[in-house]
Amino acid sequence: MNYLTEISAILGIPIWLLLIIFVWSAVWKLLALWKSARRKNVVWFIILAIINTVGVLEILYIYIFSEIKYDKKPEEVKRKVNRR
């Protein structure tokens, strides 16, 4: 627990906030990884596993990028994105 104290002191935030950020990030990362694995999106799985954005990229993947059908013609993809 000493390293958490050092990290929170360096960042200037309390330990409880650091733990909340960690849990928040872990939950979204696991959900996004699960969804990308189920959809067989290997590239997205690797990107989500490597890059840590405190849940931002994961939330975008779950609600936006995973809904786009990449096997369709570009016009159909554009129409689906523009409907949102």
Protein backbone atom coordinates (compact mmCIF):
# COMPACT_ATOMS: atom_id res chain seq x y z
CA MET A 1 0.00 0.00 0.00
CA ASN A 2 3.04 2.27 0.33
CA TYR A 3 3.39 2.63 -3.45
CA LEU A 4 -0.24 3.81 -3.69
CA THR A 5 0.54 6.51 -1.16
CA GLU A 6 3.54 7.60 -3.19
CA ILE A 7 1.57 7.65 -6.45
CA SER A 8 -1.27 9.64 -4.91
CA ALA A 9 1.24 12.11 -3.44
CA ILE A 10 2.96 12.55 -6.81
CA LEU A 11 -0.36 13.07 -8.60
CA GLY A 12 -1.73 15.22 -5.79
CA ILE A 13 -4.97 13.26 -5.38
CA PRO A 14 -6.28 11.23 -2.43
CA ILE A 15 -5.87 7.44 -2.40
CA TRP A 16 -9.64 6.86 -2.43
CA LEU A 17 -9.96 8.85 -5.66
CA LEU A 18 -7.09 6.90 -7.20
CA LEU A 19 -8.87 3.64 -6.32
CA ILE A 20 -12.17 4.87 -7.78
CA ILE A 21 -10.38 5.80 -11.03
CA PHE A 22 -8.76 2.36 -11.13
CA VAL A 23 -12.06 0.52 -10.60
CA TRP A 24 -13.84 2.76 -13.15
CA SER A 25 -11.16 2.07 -15.75
CA ALA A 26 -11.04 -1.67 -15.04
CA VAL A 27 -14.81 -2.13 -15.36
CA TRP A 28 -15.04 -0.31 -18.70
CA LYS A 29 -11.92 -2.06 -20.02
CA LEU A 30 -13.30 -5.50 -19.16
CA LEU A 31 -16.67 -4.73 -20.75
CA ALA A 32 -15.05 -3.42 -23.94
CA LEU A 33 -12.62 -6.35 -24.16
CA TRP A 34 -15.50 -8.80 -23.65
CA LYS A 35 -17.58 -7.13 -26.38
CA SER A 36 -14.68 -6.96 -28.85
CA ALA A 37 -13.86 -10.63 -28.23
CA ARG A 38 -17.49 -11.66 -28.76
CA ARG A 39 -17.61 -9.70 -32.03
CA LYS A 40 -14.24 -11.19 -33.08
CA ASN A 41 -12.66 -7.74 -33.50
CA VAL A 42 -9.03 -8.75 -32.96
CA VAL A 43 -7.61 -5.32 -33.80
CA TRP A 44 -9.92 -3.57 -31.35
CA PHE A 45 -9.17 -6.18 -28.69
CA ILE A 46 -5.43 -5.52 -29.00
CA ILE A 47 -5.89 -1.73 -29.02
CA LEU A 48 -8.15 -1.82 -25.97
CA ALA A 49 -5.82 -4.17 -24.11
CA ILE A 50 -2.73 -2.03 -24.67
CA ILE A 51 -3.97 1.57 -24.49
CA ASN A 52 -5.22 2.88 -21.16
CA THR A 53 -7.48 5.93 -21.44
CA VAL A 54 -9.29 5.69 -18.08
CA GLY A 55 -12.38 4.29 -19.79
CA VAL A 56 -12.81 6.88 -22.55
CA LEU A 57 -11.77 4.72 -25.51
CA GLU A 58 -13.60 1.75 -24.01
CA ILE A 59 -16.88 3.69 -23.71
CA LEU A 60 -16.51 4.98 -27.28
CA TYR A 61 -15.91 1.44 -28.53
CA ILE A 62 -18.92 0.00 -26.70
CA TYR A 63 -21.41 2.66 -27.81
CA ILE A 64 -20.09 3.82 -31.19
CA PHE A 65 -17.40 1.74 -32.90
CA SER A 66 -18.81 -1.70 -32.11
CA GLU A 67 -22.12 -0.77 -33.75
CA ILE A 68 -20.56 0.07 -37.12
CA LYS A 69 -20.71 -2.76 -39.64
CA TYR A 70 -17.38 -2.76 -41.48
CA ASP A 71 -18.33 -5.47 -43.97
CA LYS A 72 -20.80 -3.15 -45.75
CA LYS A 73 -20.17 -0.61 -48.47
CA PRO A 74 -18.78 2.76 -47.28
CA GLU A 75 -22.07 4.53 -48.13
CA GLU A 76 -24.03 2.25 -45.79
CA VAL A 77 -21.54 2.80 -42.96
CA LYS A 78 -21.79 6.56 -43.41
CA ARG A 79 -25.61 6.42 -43.33
CA LYS A 80 -25.57 4.39 -40.11
CA VAL A 81 -23.14 6.80 -38.42
CA ASN A 82 -25.08 9.87 -39.58
CA ARG A 83 -28.34 8.53 -38.10
CA ARG A 84 -27.00 8.97 -34.57
